Amino acid sequence: MLAIEVADRRGLAQILAIVDHAGLNIEYMYAFTEKRGDRALLVFRFTDPDAAVPVLLRNGINPVQPVELFSGG
């Protein structure tokens, strides 16, 4: 699973467009109601996370490190 911080406005639409264009498959996702500043937190389960990470990074979307999730960033 990958946790991703996005701008708290149309962030999901941007990520879904990138994922669709790259041909990646999402098994499921969760959105958290707790904000991190002006960012929202989304958690994705990709069928191939190893392929998803470089696609996201190339598009300026950085997965959150596990310690960031539990420490409050």
C-alpha atoms as a PDB file:
ATOM      1  CA  MET A   1       0.000   0.000   0.000  1.00  0.00           C
ATOM      2  CA  LEU A   2       1.122   3.541  -0.706  1.00  0.00           C
ATOM      3  CA  ALA A   3       0.077   6.627   1.245  1.00  0.00           C
ATOM      4  CA  ILE A   4       0.113   9.840  -0.757  1.00  0.00           C
ATOM      5  CA  GLU A   5      -0.387  13.438   0.341  1.00  0.00           C
ATOM      6  CA  VAL A   6      -2.300  15.591  -2.121  1.00  0.00           C
ATOM      7  CA  ALA A   7      -3.543  19.147  -2.228  1.00  0.00           C
ATOM      8  CA  ASP A   8      -6.917  19.222  -0.507  1.00  0.00           C
ATOM      9  CA  ARG A   9      -8.691  20.192  -3.721  1.00  0.00           C
ATOM     10  CA  ARG A  10      -9.134  17.929  -6.720  1.00  0.00           C
ATOM     11  CA  GLY A  11      -6.058  15.924  -5.690  1.00  0.00           C
ATOM     12  CA  LEU A  12      -7.768  12.594  -6.236  1.00  0.00           C
ATOM     13  CA  ALA A  13      -8.805  13.524  -9.776  1.00  0.00           C
ATOM     14  CA  GLN A  14      -5.177  14.381 -10.621  1.00  0.00           C
ATOM     15  CA  ILE A  15      -3.860  11.086  -9.262  1.00  0.00           C
ATOM     16  CA  LEU A  16      -6.550   9.038 -11.000  1.00  0.00           C
ATOM     17  CA  ALA A  17      -5.749  10.706 -14.328  1.00  0.00           C
ATOM     18  CA  ILE A  18      -2.042   9.880 -13.912  1.00  0.00           C
ATOM     19  CA  VAL A  19      -2.798   6.285 -12.883  1.00  0.00           C
ATOM     20  CA  ASP A  20      -5.195   5.816 -15.796  1.00  0.00           C
ATOM     21  CA  HIS A  21      -2.741   7.264 -18.321  1.00  0.00           C
ATOM     22  CA  ALA A  22      -0.003   4.913 -17.034  1.00  0.00           C
ATOM     23  CA  GLY A  23      -2.308   1.872 -17.186  1.00  0.00           C
ATOM     24  CA  LEU A  24      -1.928   1.110 -13.467  1.00  0.00           C
ATOM     25  CA  ASN A  25      -4.610  -0.826 -11.586  1.00  0.00           C
ATOM     26  CA  ILE A  26      -5.913   0.163  -8.158  1.00  0.00           C
ATOM     27  CA  GLU A  27      -7.300  -2.658  -6.023  1.00  0.00           C
ATOM     28  CA  TYR A  28      -8.749  -0.245  -3.447  1.00  0.00           C
ATOM     29  CA  MET A  29      -8.082   3.078  -1.752  1.00  0.00           C
ATOM     30  CA  TYR A  30      -8.905   4.933   1.452  1.00  0.00           C
ATOM     31  CA  ALA A  31      -9.142   8.638   2.148  1.00  0.00           C
ATOM     32  CA  PHE A  32      -8.482   9.941   5.644  1.00  0.00           C
ATOM     33  CA  THR A  33     -10.593  12.743   7.062  1.00  0.00           C
ATOM     34  CA  GLU A  34      -7.723  14.109   9.156  1.00  0.00           C
ATOM     35  CA  LYS A  35      -5.830  16.751   7.222  1.00  0.00           C
ATOM     36  CA  ARG A  36      -2.082  17.298   7.341  1.00  0.00           C
ATOM     37  CA  GLY A  37      -1.917  21.067   7.010  1.00  0.00           C
ATOM     38  CA  ASP A  38      -3.446  21.949   3.651  1.00  0.00           C
ATOM     39  CA  ARG A  39      -2.962  18.402   2.366  1.00  0.00           C
ATOM     40  CA  ALA A  40      -5.242  15.369   2.376  1.00  0.00           C
ATOM     41  CA  LEU A  41      -4.000  11.816   2.856  1.00  0.00           C
ATOM     42  CA  LEU A  42      -4.962   9.020   0.432  1.00  0.00           C
ATOM     43  CA  VAL A  43      -3.896   5.382   0.741  1.00  0.00           C
ATOM     44  CA  PHE A  44      -3.812   3.233  -2.393  1.00  0.00           C
ATOM     45  CA  ARG A  45      -3.397  -0.497  -2.882  1.00  0.00           C
ATOM     46  CA  PHE A  46      -2.002  -0.945  -6.399  1.00  0.00           C
ATOM     47  CA  THR A  47      -1.830  -4.370  -8.050  1.00  0.00           C
ATOM     48  CA  ASP A  48       1.820  -3.521  -8.840  1.00  0.00           C
ATOM     49  CA  PRO A  49       3.148  -0.994  -6.318  1.00  0.00           C
ATOM     50  CA  ASP A  50       6.684  -1.316  -7.691  1.00  0.00           C
ATOM     51  CA  ALA A  51       5.421   0.039 -11.024  1.00  0.00           C
ATOM     52  CA  ALA A  52       3.259   2.726  -9.372  1.00  0.00           C
ATOM     53  CA  VAL A  53       6.015   4.414  -7.344  1.00  0.00           C
ATOM     54  CA  PRO A  54       8.159   5.596 -10.286  1.00  0.00           C
ATOM     55  CA  VAL A  55       5.068   6.782 -12.198  1.00  0.00           C
ATOM     56  CA  LEU A  56       3.922   8.835  -9.217  1.00  0.00           C
ATOM     57  CA  LEU A  57       7.405  10.251  -8.588  1.00  0.00           C
ATOM     58  CA  ARG A  58       7.789  11.283 -12.252  1.00  0.00           C
ATOM     59  CA  ASN A  59       4.555  13.218 -11.885  1.00  0.00           C
ATOM     60  CA  GLY A  60       5.602  15.061  -8.720  1.00  0.00           C
ATOM     61  CA  ILE A  61       3.576  12.903  -6.325  1.00  0.00           C
ATOM     62  CA  ASN A  62       5.630  11.641  -3.407  1.00  0.00           C
ATOM     63  CA  PRO A  63       4.483   8.673  -1.332  1.00  0.00           C
ATOM     64  CA  VAL A  64       4.527   9.308   2.416  1.00  0.00           C
ATOM     65  CA  GLN A  65       7.138   7.399   4.376  1.00  0.00           C
ATOM     66  CA  PRO A  66       5.680   4.976   6.993  1.00  0.00           C
ATOM     67  CA  VAL A  67       7.261   6.859   9.905  1.00  0.00           C
ATOM     68  CA  GLU A  68       5.582  10.054   8.711  1.00  0.00           C
ATOM     69  CA  LEU A  69       2.167   8.421   8.885  1.00  0.00           C
ATOM     70  CA  PHE A  70       2.547   7.331  12.482  1.00  0.00           C
ATOM     71  CA  SER A  71       4.498  10.265  13.853  1.00  0.00           C
ATOM     72  CA  GLY A  72       2.158  12.946  12.513  1.00  0.00           C
ATOM     73  CA  GLY A  73       4.722  14.163   9.951  1.00  0.00           C
END
